[in-house]
Amino acid sequence: MRFEKGHKEQTRRRIIETASHKFRKDGVAATGIAGLMADAGLTHGGFYAHFASKEELVRAALEEALSQNYASRQEVLDQAQGADSLEALVRFYLRPAHRDTPERGCAAAALVSEIARHEPETRAAFTTRLRRLLDQIASLLPPEMNAEARDSLAIGLFGTLLGCLQMARAVNDPALSTQILESGEQAALNLARTWSAERRGGGISNKSLI
């Protein structure tokens, strides 16, 4: 059977896209190849025409998801007004809709604990894109801070956001889940304000961060 030019690449892209959603929703370990291929509208046997192993697909899906995450955050930042960019990013990340749709959300929050147990190549792919994410956050911090301080604060901020999102998803009390999101938002912005003020030797305006 003949296929149009580009059919194989389109099929590969469909598998990656399906996997990027399914892994984030159900986890890598809980996702079998047969079920994943069925969700993509393909047969199980066709998988190995595109990937040598599940691990290769995990890397590709992780890279796809993290690239989408970066683009989504950048769109939010592009729409924000200068000094309000950090606040916009924090609120975007800890919004209820993000908590409720892990399959379309941050791949780091959904998969970080699993990635730690994967092959070095997969962890390297994650590390590369995590650094890009941290650079994105660091770019929003006051230029008066030196590069090392901005990097350290970006790590602390993202750790706060990621941890609060994971907790909000894990609890079975809706009110507590919402409180975790709201408290995480305030904590992240307070951390940025305090750290920035210390590194600059002065204050930072409330308008710019909260």
N, C-alpha and C. Protein backbone atom coordinates (compact mmCIF):
# COMPACT_ATOMS: atom_id res chain seq x y z
N MET A 1 0.85 -1.20 0.00
CA MET A 1 0.00 0.00 0.00
C MET A 1 0.87 1.24 0.00
N ARG A 2 0.63 2.13 -0.95
CA ARG A 2 1.42 3.35 -1.05
C ARG A 2 0.80 4.47 -0.20
N PHE A 3 1.67 5.23 0.44
CA PHE A 3 1.22 6.37 1.23
C PHE A 3 1.78 7.65 0.63
N GLU A 4 1.10 8.73 0.87
CA GLU A 4 1.58 10.03 0.39
C GLU A 4 2.90 10.39 1.06
N LYS A 5 3.66 11.21 0.37
CA LYS A 5 4.93 11.67 0.92
C LYS A 5 4.68 12.37 2.25
N GLY A 6 5.50 12.03 3.23
CA GLY A 6 5.35 12.65 4.55
C GLY A 6 4.45 11.88 5.49
N HIS A 7 3.84 10.78 4.99
CA HIS A 7 2.90 10.03 5.83
C HIS A 7 3.60 9.46 7.07
N LYS A 8 4.79 8.91 6.89
CA LYS A 8 5.49 8.31 8.03
C LYS A 8 5.79 9.34 9.10
N GLU A 9 6.25 10.52 8.67
CA GLU A 9 6.56 11.57 9.64
C GLU A 9 5.30 12.05 10.34
N GLN A 10 4.21 12.15 9.61
CA GLN A 10 2.94 12.56 10.22
C GLN A 10 2.47 11.54 11.26
N THR A 11 2.66 10.27 10.94
CA THR A 11 2.27 9.21 11.88
C THR A 11 3.14 9.26 13.13
N ARG A 12 4.43 9.46 12.93
CA ARG A 12 5.35 9.58 14.07
C ARG A 12 4.93 10.75 14.96
N ARG A 13 4.59 11.87 14.34
CA ARG A 13 4.17 13.04 15.10
C ARG A 13 2.90 12.75 15.88
N ARG A 14 2.01 11.99 15.29
CA ARG A 14 0.76 11.66 15.98
C ARG A 14 1.04 10.80 17.22
N ILE A 15 1.96 9.86 17.07
CA ILE A 15 2.32 9.01 18.21
C ILE A 15 2.94 9.85 19.33
N ILE A 16 3.85 10.74 18.96
CA ILE A 16 4.51 11.59 19.95
C ILE A 16 3.50 12.48 20.66
N GLU A 17 2.60 13.08 19.90
CA GLU A 17 1.59 13.96 20.48
C GLU A 17 0.68 13.19 21.43
N THR A 18 0.25 12.01 21.01
CA THR A 18 -0.59 11.19 21.88
C THR A 18 0.15 10.81 23.15
N ALA A 19 1.40 10.42 23.00
CA ALA A 19 2.21 10.02 24.15
C ALA A 19 2.45 11.18 25.11
N SER A 20 2.67 12.36 24.56
CA SER A 20 2.95 13.51 25.42
C SER A 20 1.77 13.82 26.33
N HIS A 21 0.55 13.60 25.83
CA HIS A 21 -0.64 13.79 26.65
C HIS A 21 -0.86 12.62 27.61
N LYS A 22 -0.72 11.42 27.09
CA LYS A 22 -1.01 10.23 27.90
C LYS A 22 0.00 10.05 29.03
N PHE A 23 1.27 10.30 28.77
CA PHE A 23 2.28 10.19 29.82
C PHE A 23 2.01 11.19 30.93
N ARG A 24 1.65 12.42 30.55
CA ARG A 24 1.38 13.44 31.57
C ARG A 24 0.13 13.12 32.38
N LYS A 25 -0.84 12.50 31.75
CA LYS A 25 -2.08 12.20 32.46
C LYS A 25 -1.96 10.95 33.33
N ASP A 26 -1.40 9.88 32.77
CA ASP A 26 -1.40 8.58 33.45
C ASP A 26 -0.04 8.16 34.00
N GLY A 27 1.01 8.85 33.57
CA GLY A 27 2.35 8.44 33.96
C GLY A 27 2.97 7.53 32.91
N VAL A 28 4.30 7.51 32.87
CA VAL A 28 5.00 6.70 31.88
C VAL A 28 4.85 5.22 32.18
N ALA A 29 5.10 4.84 33.42
CA ALA A 29 5.07 3.42 33.79
C ALA A 29 3.70 2.80 33.57
N ALA A 30 2.65 3.59 33.79
CA ALA A 30 1.28 3.06 33.68
C ALA A 30 0.76 3.05 32.25
N THR A 31 1.53 3.57 31.33
CA THR A 31 1.09 3.65 29.93
C THR A 31 1.74 2.56 29.10
N GLY A 32 0.93 1.68 28.56
CA GLY A 32 1.44 0.62 27.70
C GLY A 32 1.43 1.03 26.25
N ILE A 33 2.29 0.41 25.47
CA ILE A 33 2.39 0.74 24.05
C ILE A 33 1.09 0.42 23.31
N ALA A 34 0.48 -0.71 23.62
CA ALA A 34 -0.74 -1.11 22.91
C ALA A 34 -1.85 -0.10 23.10
N GLY A 35 -2.06 0.33 24.34
CA GLY A 35 -3.11 1.31 24.61
C GLY A 35 -2.80 2.65 24.01
N LEU A 36 -1.53 3.04 24.04
CA LEU A 36 -1.13 4.32 23.48
C LEU A 36 -1.38 4.35 21.97
N MET A 37 -0.98 3.28 21.30
CA MET A 37 -1.17 3.21 19.85
C MET A 37 -2.65 3.19 19.50
N ALA A 38 -3.44 2.52 20.31
CA ALA A 38 -4.88 2.51 20.06
C ALA A 38 -5.46 3.91 20.19
N ASP A 39 -5.00 4.65 21.18
CA ASP A 39 -5.46 6.03 21.35
C ASP A 39 -5.07 6.90 20.16
N ALA A 40 -3.95 6.56 19.53
CA ALA A 40 -3.49 7.30 18.35
C ALA A 40 -4.18 6.82 17.08
N GLY A 41 -5.02 5.80 17.21
CA GLY A 41 -5.72 5.27 16.04
C GLY A 41 -4.84 4.39 15.18
N LEU A 42 -3.84 3.75 15.81
CA LEU A 42 -2.88 2.93 15.08
C LEU A 42 -2.78 1.54 15.70
N THR A 43 -2.17 0.62 14.97
CA THR A 43 -2.00 -0.73 15.49
C THR A 43 -0.74 -0.84 16.32
N HIS A 44 -0.77 -1.76 17.27
CA HIS A 44 0.39 -1.98 18.15
C HIS A 44 1.63 -2.32 17.34
N GLY A 45 1.47 -3.15 16.33
CA GLY A 45 2.61 -3.61 15.55
C GLY A 45 3.33 -2.52 14.79
N GLY A 46 2.66 -1.40 14.55
CA GLY A 46 3.29 -0.32 13.81
C GLY A 46 4.25 0.53 14.62
N PHE A 47 4.26 0.33 15.92
CA PHE A 47 5.08 1.18 16.79
C PHE A 47 6.56 1.15 16.41
N TYR A 48 7.07 -0.07 16.19
CA TYR A 48 8.52 -0.20 15.99
C TYR A 48 8.99 0.22 14.60
N ALA A 49 8.08 0.64 13.77
CA ALA A 49 8.48 1.27 12.51
C ALA A 49 8.91 2.71 12.74
N HIS A 50 8.59 3.22 13.94
CA HIS A 50 8.87 4.62 14.25
C HIS A 50 9.83 4.81 15.42
N PHE A 51 9.85 3.86 16.35
CA PHE A 51 10.69 3.99 17.54
C PHE A 51 11.34 2.65 17.87
N ALA A 52 12.60 2.72 18.28
CA ALA A 52 13.32 1.49 18.62
C ALA A 52 12.87 0.93 19.97
N SER A 53 12.33 1.79 20.83
CA SER A 53 11.94 1.37 22.17
C SER A 53 10.96 2.37 22.76
N LYS A 54 10.32 1.98 23.83
CA LYS A 54 9.45 2.90 24.55
C LYS A 54 10.26 4.07 25.09
N GLU A 55 11.49 3.81 25.52
CA GLU A 55 12.33 4.86 26.08
C GLU A 55 12.59 5.96 25.05
N GLU A 56 12.79 5.57 23.80
CA GLU A 56 12.98 6.56 22.75
C GLU A 56 11.75 7.44 22.60
N LEU A 57 10.58 6.83 22.69
CA LEU A 57 9.33 7.61 22.62
C LEU A 57 9.19 8.52 23.84
N VAL A 58 9.57 8.03 25.00
CA VAL A 58 9.50 8.87 26.21
C VAL A 58 10.31 10.14 26.01
N ARG A 59 11.52 10.00 25.49
CA ARG A 59 12.36 11.18 25.25
C ARG A 59 11.70 12.13 24.26
N ALA A 60 11.20 11.59 23.17
CA ALA A 60 10.58 12.44 22.15
C ALA A 60 9.34 13.13 22.69
N ALA A 61 8.53 12.40 23.44
CA ALA A 61 7.30 12.97 24.00
C ALA A 61 7.61 14.01 25.06
N LEU A 62 8.65 13.76 25.85
CA LEU A 62 9.05 14.72 26.88
C LEU A 62 9.54 16.01 26.24
N GLU A 63 10.36 15.88 25.21
CA GLU A 63 10.85 17.07 24.51
C GLU A 63 9.70 17.85 23.89
N GLU A 64 8.76 17.13 23.30
CA GLU A 64 7.59 17.78 22.70
C GLU A 64 6.78 18.53 23.75
N ALA A 65 6.50 17.87 24.86
CA ALA A 65 5.69 18.49 25.91
C ALA A 65 6.37 19.72 26.50
N LEU A 66 7.65 19.61 26.79
CA LEU A 66 8.37 20.73 27.39
C LEU A 66 8.51 21.90 26.42
N SER A 67 8.64 21.59 25.14
CA SER A 67 8.69 22.67 24.14
C SER A 67 7.35 23.38 24.05
N GLN A 68 6.26 22.62 24.11
CA GLN A 68 4.93 23.23 24.13
C GLN A 68 4.73 24.07 25.38
N ASN A 69 5.19 23.56 26.51
CA ASN A 69 5.09 24.31 27.77
C ASN A 69 5.81 25.65 27.66
N TYR A 70 7.02 25.62 27.09
CA TYR A 70 7.80 26.85 26.94
C TYR A 70 7.05 27.85 26.07
N ALA A 71 6.51 27.38 24.96
CA ALA A 71 5.80 28.27 24.04
C ALA A 71 4.56 28.87 24.70
N SER A 72 3.85 28.07 25.48
CA SER A 72 2.65 28.57 26.17
C SER A 72 3.00 29.65 27.17
N ARG A 73 4.06 29.41 27.93
CA ARG A 73 4.49 30.43 28.91
C ARG A 73 4.95 31.69 28.20
N GLN A 74 5.67 31.53 27.10
CA GLN A 74 6.16 32.70 26.40
C GLN A 74 5.01 33.53 25.84
N GLU A 75 3.96 32.87 25.41
CA GLU A 75 2.78 33.59 24.92
C GLU A 75 2.17 34.43 26.04
N VAL A 76 2.11 33.88 27.24
CA VAL A 76 1.61 34.63 28.39
C VAL A 76 2.50 35.83 28.67
N LEU A 77 3.80 35.63 28.62
CA LEU A 77 4.74 36.72 28.89
C LEU A 77 4.65 37.80 27.83
N ASP A 78 4.48 37.40 26.59
CA ASP A 78 4.38 38.38 25.50
C ASP A 78 3.14 39.26 25.65
N GLN A 79 2.10 38.69 26.25
CA GLN A 79 0.86 39.43 26.43
C GLN A 79 0.87 40.30 27.69
N ALA A 80 1.78 39.98 28.60
CA ALA A 80 1.86 40.72 29.86
C ALA A 80 2.55 42.06 29.63
N GLN A 81 2.36 42.95 30.58
CA GLN A 81 2.94 44.28 30.48
C GLN A 81 4.21 44.38 31.32
N GLY A 82 5.34 44.20 30.72
CA GLY A 82 6.63 44.46 31.35
C GLY A 82 6.77 43.97 32.77
N ALA A 83 6.61 44.89 33.74
CA ALA A 83 6.84 44.59 35.14
C ALA A 83 5.85 43.58 35.69
N ASP A 84 4.73 43.38 35.00
CA ASP A 84 3.73 42.42 35.47
C ASP A 84 3.98 41.01 34.95
N SER A 85 5.06 40.79 34.24
CA SER A 85 5.30 39.51 33.59
C SER A 85 5.46 38.37 34.58
N LEU A 86 6.21 38.59 35.65
CA LEU A 86 6.41 37.52 36.62
C LEU A 86 5.11 37.14 37.29
N GLU A 87 4.33 38.13 37.67
CA GLU A 87 3.03 37.85 38.28
C GLU A 87 2.16 37.06 37.31
N ALA A 88 2.15 37.45 36.05
CA ALA A 88 1.34 36.75 35.05
C ALA A 88 1.77 35.30 34.93
N LEU A 89 3.07 35.05 34.94
CA LEU A 89 3.57 33.68 34.81
C LEU A 89 3.18 32.84 36.02
N VAL A 90 3.33 33.40 37.22
CA VAL A 90 2.97 32.67 38.44
C VAL A 90 1.49 32.32 38.44
N ARG A 91 0.66 33.30 38.12
CA ARG A 91 -0.79 33.05 38.12
C ARG A 91 -1.18 32.04 37.03
N PHE A 92 -0.52 32.11 35.91
CA PHE A 92 -0.79 31.17 34.82
C PHE A 92 -0.46 29.75 35.26
N TYR A 93 0.66 29.59 35.93
CA TYR A 93 1.12 28.26 36.32
C TYR A 93 0.23 27.65 37.40
N LEU A 94 -0.17 28.46 38.37
CA LEU A 94 -0.94 27.94 39.51
C LEU A 94 -2.44 28.18 39.37
N ARG A 95 -2.92 28.27 38.16
CA ARG A 95 -4.36 28.44 37.96
C ARG A 95 -5.07 27.08 38.09
N PRO A 96 -6.32 27.06 38.53
CA PRO A 96 -7.05 25.80 38.68
C PRO A 96 -7.11 24.97 37.40
N ALA A 97 -7.23 25.63 36.25
CA ALA A 97 -7.31 24.88 34.99
C ALA A 97 -6.04 24.07 34.73
N HIS A 98 -4.90 24.58 35.16
CA HIS A 98 -3.65 23.84 35.00
C HIS A 98 -3.65 22.62 35.92
N ARG A 99 -4.09 22.82 37.13
CA ARG A 99 -4.20 21.70 38.08
C ARG A 99 -5.08 20.59 37.52
N ASP A 100 -6.17 20.98 36.87
CA ASP A 100 -7.20 20.02 36.47
C ASP A 100 -6.95 19.34 35.13
N THR A 101 -5.95 19.79 34.38
CA THR A 101 -5.67 19.20 33.07
C THR A 101 -4.19 18.85 32.94
N PRO A 102 -3.72 17.88 33.71
CA PRO A 102 -2.29 17.54 33.65
C PRO A 102 -1.84 17.09 32.27
N GLU A 103 -2.76 16.51 31.50
CA GLU A 103 -2.38 16.01 30.17
C GLU A 103 -1.97 17.13 29.22
N ARG A 104 -2.35 18.36 29.52
CA ARG A 104 -1.96 19.49 28.68
C ARG A 104 -1.04 20.46 29.43
N GLY A 105 -0.62 20.07 30.61
CA GLY A 105 0.12 20.99 31.46
C GLY A 105 1.61 20.73 31.50
N CYS A 106 2.23 21.25 32.54
CA CYS A 106 3.68 21.20 32.71
C CYS A 106 4.16 19.75 32.80
N ALA A 107 5.02 19.37 31.89
CA ALA A 107 5.55 18.00 31.89
C ALA A 107 6.47 17.76 33.07
N ALA A 108 7.15 18.80 33.53
CA ALA A 108 8.03 18.64 34.69
C ALA A 108 7.21 18.27 35.92
N ALA A 109 6.11 18.97 36.15
CA ALA A 109 5.27 18.69 37.31
C ALA A 109 4.66 17.30 37.23
N ALA A 110 4.29 16.88 36.04
CA ALA A 110 3.63 15.59 35.87
C ALA A 110 4.59 14.41 35.94
N LEU A 111 5.85 14.62 35.52
CA LEU A 111 6.72 13.48 35.28
C LEU A 111 8.07 13.50 35.99
N VAL A 112 8.37 14.56 36.74
CA VAL A 112 9.72 14.70 37.27
C VAL A 112 10.15 13.51 38.12
N SER A 113 9.25 12.97 38.93
CA SER A 113 9.64 11.85 39.80
C SER A 113 9.95 10.60 38.98
N GLU A 114 9.27 10.42 37.86
CA GLU A 114 9.55 9.27 37.00
C GLU A 114 10.83 9.47 36.20
N ILE A 115 11.03 10.68 35.71
CA ILE A 115 12.21 10.96 34.88
C ILE A 115 13.49 10.66 35.65
N ALA A 116 13.47 10.87 36.95
CA ALA A 116 14.66 10.61 37.77
C ALA A 116 15.11 9.16 37.69
N ARG A 117 14.22 8.26 37.31
CA ARG A 117 14.55 6.83 37.24
C ARG A 117 14.76 6.35 35.81
N HIS A 118 14.80 7.26 34.86
CA HIS A 118 14.96 6.86 33.46
C HIS A 118 16.43 6.89 33.04
N GLU A 119 16.66 6.52 31.80
CA GLU A 119 18.02 6.41 31.27
C GLU A 119 18.70 7.78 31.22
N PRO A 120 20.04 7.80 31.24
CA PRO A 120 20.77 9.07 31.22
C PRO A 120 20.39 9.97 30.05
N GLU A 121 20.14 9.39 28.87
CA GLU A 121 19.79 10.21 27.71
C GLU A 121 18.46 10.94 27.92
N THR A 122 17.53 10.27 28.58
CA THR A 122 16.24 10.89 28.85
C THR A 122 16.39 11.99 29.88
N ARG A 123 17.17 11.74 30.90
CA ARG A 123 17.42 12.77 31.92
C ARG A 123 18.17 13.96 31.32
N ALA A 124 19.06 13.68 30.38
CA ALA A 124 19.79 14.78 29.72
C ALA A 124 18.83 15.64 28.91
N ALA A 125 17.89 15.00 28.22
CA ALA A 125 16.90 15.76 27.44
C ALA A 125 16.06 16.63 28.37
N PHE A 126 15.67 16.07 29.50
CA PHE A 126 14.91 16.84 30.48
C PHE A 126 15.73 18.01 31.01
N THR A 127 16.99 17.75 31.33
CA THR A 127 17.86 18.78 31.90
C THR A 127 18.02 19.96 30.94
N THR A 128 18.21 19.66 29.67
CA THR A 128 18.37 20.72 28.67
C THR A 128 17.17 21.64 28.64
N ARG A 129 15.99 21.07 28.66
CA ARG A 129 14.77 21.88 28.58
C ARG A 129 14.41 22.52 29.91
N LEU A 130 14.82 21.90 31.01
CA LEU A 130 14.63 22.54 32.31
C LEU A 130 15.48 23.80 32.40
N ARG A 131 16.70 23.73 31.91
CA ARG A 131 17.56 24.92 31.92
C ARG A 131 16.92 26.05 31.11
N ARG A 132 16.31 25.70 30.00
CA ARG A 132 15.65 26.72 29.17
C ARG A 132 14.49 27.35 29.93
N LEU A 133 13.74 26.53 30.64
CA LEU A 133 12.63 27.02 31.46
C LEU A 133 13.15 27.97 32.54
N LEU A 134 14.22 27.57 33.22
CA LEU A 134 14.78 28.40 34.29
C LEU A 134 15.32 29.72 33.73
N ASP A 135 15.91 29.67 32.55
CA ASP A 135 16.38 30.90 31.91
C ASP A 135 15.21 31.83 31.59
N GLN A 136 14.09 31.24 31.20
CA GLN A 136 12.89 32.02 30.90
C GLN A 136 12.43 32.77 32.15
N ILE A 137 12.44 32.10 33.29
CA ILE A 137 12.05 32.75 34.55
C ILE A 137 13.09 33.79 34.95
N ALA A 138 14.36 33.44 34.85
CA ALA A 138 15.42 34.36 35.25
C ALA A 138 15.38 35.66 34.45
N SER A 139 14.94 35.58 33.21
CA SER A 139 14.88 36.78 32.36
C SER A 139 13.86 37.79 32.87
N LEU A 140 12.95 37.37 33.74
CA LEU A 140 11.92 38.26 34.27
C LEU A 140 12.37 38.99 35.53
N LEU A 141 13.51 38.60 36.07
CA LEU A 141 13.97 39.15 37.34
C LEU A 141 14.76 40.43 37.12
N PRO A 142 14.88 41.26 38.16
CA PRO A 142 15.53 42.57 38.02
C PRO A 142 16.94 42.47 37.44
N PRO A 143 17.25 43.25 36.44
CA PRO A 143 18.58 43.20 35.83
C PRO A 143 19.69 43.64 36.78
N GLU A 144 19.31 44.35 37.85
CA GLU A 144 20.31 44.77 38.84
C GLU A 144 20.91 43.58 39.58
N MET A 145 20.18 42.47 39.63
CA MET A 145 20.70 41.26 40.25
C MET A 145 21.76 40.64 39.34
N ASN A 146 22.80 40.06 39.94
CA ASN A 146 23.79 39.41 39.09
C ASN A 146 23.24 38.09 38.57
N ALA A 147 23.91 37.53 37.59
CA ALA A 147 23.39 36.34 36.91
C ALA A 147 23.22 35.16 37.86
N GLU A 148 24.17 34.99 38.77
CA GLU A 148 24.08 33.87 39.71
C GLU A 148 22.87 34.00 40.62
N ALA A 149 22.61 35.22 41.08
CA ALA A 149 21.45 35.45 41.95
C ALA A 149 20.15 35.22 41.20
N ARG A 150 20.08 35.68 39.95
CA ARG A 150 18.87 35.45 39.16
C ARG A 150 18.63 33.97 38.93
N ASP A 151 19.71 33.24 38.63
CA ASP A 151 19.56 31.80 38.41
C ASP A 151 19.08 31.09 39.67
N SER A 152 19.65 31.46 40.81
CA SER A 152 19.26 30.83 42.07
C SER A 152 17.80 31.12 42.40
N LEU A 153 17.39 32.36 42.19
CA LEU A 153 16.00 32.72 42.47
C LEU A 153 15.05 32.01 41.51
N ALA A 154 15.44 31.89 40.26
CA ALA A 154 14.59 31.18 39.28
C ALA A 154 14.38 29.73 39.71
N ILE A 155 15.43 29.08 40.21
CA ILE A 155 15.30 27.71 40.69
C ILE A 155 14.34 27.64 41.87
N GLY A 156 14.50 28.57 42.82
CA GLY A 156 13.62 28.58 43.98
C GLY A 156 12.17 28.85 43.61
N LEU A 157 11.97 29.77 42.69
CA LEU A 157 10.61 30.09 42.26
C LEU A 157 9.95 28.89 41.57
N PHE A 158 10.67 28.28 40.65
CA PHE A 158 10.06 27.17 39.93
C PHE A 158 9.82 25.98 40.85
N GLY A 159 10.74 25.75 41.78
CA GLY A 159 10.53 24.68 42.75
C GLY A 159 9.27 24.90 43.56
N THR A 160 9.01 26.15 43.94
CA THR A 160 7.80 26.48 44.68
C THR A 160 6.56 26.22 43.83
N LEU A 161 6.58 26.68 42.59
CA LEU A 161 5.44 26.49 41.70
C LEU A 161 5.16 25.01 41.44
N LEU A 162 6.21 24.28 41.11
CA LEU A 162 6.05 22.87 40.79
C LEU A 162 5.53 22.08 41.99
N GLY A 163 6.12 22.31 43.15
CA GLY A 163 5.71 21.58 44.34
C GLY A 163 4.27 21.86 44.73
N CYS A 164 3.86 23.11 44.64
CA CYS A 164 2.48 23.46 45.00
C CYS A 164 1.49 22.87 44.00
N LEU A 165 1.85 22.87 42.72
CA LEU A 165 0.96 22.27 41.73
C LEU A 165 0.80 20.78 41.99
N GLN A 166 1.88 20.10 42.30
CA GLN A 166 1.81 18.67 42.58
C GLN A 166 0.96 18.39 43.81
N MET A 167 1.13 19.17 44.87
CA MET A 167 0.32 18.98 46.07
C MET A 167 -1.15 19.23 45.80
N ALA A 168 -1.44 20.29 45.05
CA ALA A 168 -2.83 20.63 44.75
C ALA A 168 -3.52 19.52 43.97
N ARG A 169 -2.77 18.83 43.14
CA ARG A 169 -3.33 17.71 42.38
C ARG A 169 -3.50 16.46 43.24
N ALA A 170 -2.66 16.32 44.24
CA ALA A 170 -2.64 15.08 45.01
C ALA A 170 -3.74 14.99 46.06
N VAL A 171 -4.12 16.11 46.66
CA VAL A 171 -5.10 16.06 47.75
C VAL A 171 -6.50 15.81 47.21
N ASN A 172 -7.37 15.25 48.06
CA ASN A 172 -8.75 14.99 47.64
C ASN A 172 -9.75 15.95 48.27
N ASP A 173 -9.23 17.04 48.82
CA ASP A 173 -10.07 18.08 49.42
C ASP A 173 -10.04 19.30 48.50
N PRO A 174 -11.12 19.61 47.79
CA PRO A 174 -11.12 20.73 46.84
C PRO A 174 -10.73 22.06 47.47
N ALA A 175 -11.22 22.31 48.68
CA ALA A 175 -10.90 23.58 49.33
C ALA A 175 -9.41 23.68 49.64
N LEU A 176 -8.85 22.59 50.13
CA LEU A 176 -7.41 22.58 50.43
C LEU A 176 -6.61 22.72 49.15
N SER A 177 -7.04 22.07 48.09
CA SER A 177 -6.34 22.17 46.81
C SER A 177 -6.28 23.61 46.33
N THR A 178 -7.40 24.30 46.42
CA THR A 178 -7.44 25.71 46.02
C THR A 178 -6.56 26.55 46.92
N GLN A 179 -6.57 26.26 48.21
CA GLN A 179 -5.73 27.00 49.15
C GLN A 179 -4.26 26.81 48.84
N ILE A 180 -3.88 25.61 48.45
CA ILE A 180 -2.49 25.34 48.09
C ILE A 180 -2.08 26.19 46.89
N LEU A 181 -2.93 26.26 45.88
CA LEU A 181 -2.62 27.07 44.70
C LEU A 181 -2.47 28.54 45.09
N GLU A 182 -3.40 29.05 45.87
CA GLU A 182 -3.37 30.46 46.25
C GLU A 182 -2.17 30.77 47.14
N SER A 183 -1.88 29.87 48.08
CA SER A 183 -0.74 30.08 48.97
C SER A 183 0.57 29.99 48.21
N GLY A 184 0.64 29.06 47.26
CA GLY A 184 1.84 28.93 46.45
C GLY A 184 2.10 30.17 45.61
N GLU A 185 1.03 30.73 45.08
CA GLU A 185 1.14 31.96 44.30
C GLU A 185 1.72 33.08 45.15
N GLN A 186 1.16 33.26 46.34
CA GLN A 186 1.63 34.33 47.22
C GLN A 186 3.06 34.08 47.67
N ALA A 187 3.37 32.82 47.99
CA ALA A 187 4.72 32.48 48.45
C ALA A 187 5.76 32.74 47.36
N ALA A 188 5.43 32.39 46.12
CA ALA A 188 6.37 32.60 45.02
C ALA A 188 6.64 34.08 44.80
N LEU A 189 5.59 34.89 44.85
CA LEU A 189 5.76 36.32 44.63
C LEU A 189 6.48 36.97 45.81
N ASN A 190 6.19 36.52 47.02
CA ASN A 190 6.90 37.04 48.19
C ASN A 190 8.37 36.67 48.14
N LEU A 191 8.66 35.46 47.72
CA LEU A 191 10.05 35.03 47.59
C LEU A 191 10.79 35.91 46.60
N ALA A 192 10.17 36.18 45.48
CA ALA A 192 10.81 37.02 44.47
C ALA A 192 11.05 38.42 45.00
N ARG A 193 10.06 38.97 45.69
CA ARG A 193 10.19 40.33 46.21
C ARG A 193 11.30 40.41 47.26
N THR A 194 11.30 39.48 48.20
CA THR A 194 12.28 39.51 49.28
C THR A 194 13.69 39.30 48.76
N TRP A 195 13.87 38.29 47.92
CA TRP A 195 15.19 37.98 47.39
C TRP A 195 15.71 39.14 46.54
N SER A 196 14.85 39.68 45.72
CA SER A 196 15.27 40.79 44.86
C SER A 196 15.70 41.98 45.69
N ALA A 197 14.93 42.29 46.72
CA ALA A 197 15.26 43.44 47.57
C ALA A 197 16.59 43.24 48.27
N GLU A 198 16.85 42.03 48.74
CA GLU A 198 18.11 41.75 49.42
C GLU A 198 19.29 41.90 48.47
N ARG A 199 19.14 41.40 47.26
CA ARG A 199 20.25 41.44 46.31
C ARG A 199 20.49 42.85 45.77
N ARG A 200 19.46 43.67 45.80
CA ARG A 200 19.59 45.03 45.28
C ARG A 200 19.91 46.03 46.38
N GLY A 201 19.78 45.58 47.62
CA GLY A 201 20.05 46.47 48.73
C GLY A 201 18.97 47.50 48.94
N GLY A 202 17.77 47.18 48.48
CA GLY A 202 16.67 48.13 48.62
C GLY A 202 15.36 47.44 48.37
N GLY A 203 14.33 48.22 48.18
CA GLY A 203 12.99 47.65 48.01
C GLY A 203 12.68 47.40 46.56
N ILE A 204 11.58 46.73 46.37
CA ILE A 204 11.07 46.51 45.03
C ILE A 204 9.58 46.79 45.07
N SER A 205 9.07 47.47 44.09
CA SER A 205 7.69 47.94 44.16
C SER A 205 6.70 46.79 44.19
N ASN A 206 5.62 46.98 44.94
CA ASN A 206 4.57 45.98 45.00
C ASN A 206 3.94 45.77 43.63
N LYS A 207 3.82 46.84 42.86
CA LYS A 207 3.15 46.74 41.57
C LYS A 207 3.84 45.76 40.64
N SER A 208 5.17 45.67 40.75
CA SER A 208 5.90 44.85 39.80
C SER A 208 5.76 43.36 40.04
N LEU A 209 5.36 42.96 41.27
CA LEU A 209 5.35 41.54 41.55
C LEU A 209 4.04 41.00 42.10
N ILE A 210 3.19 41.81 42.67
CA ILE A 210 2.02 41.24 43.34
C ILE A 210 0.81 42.14 43.16
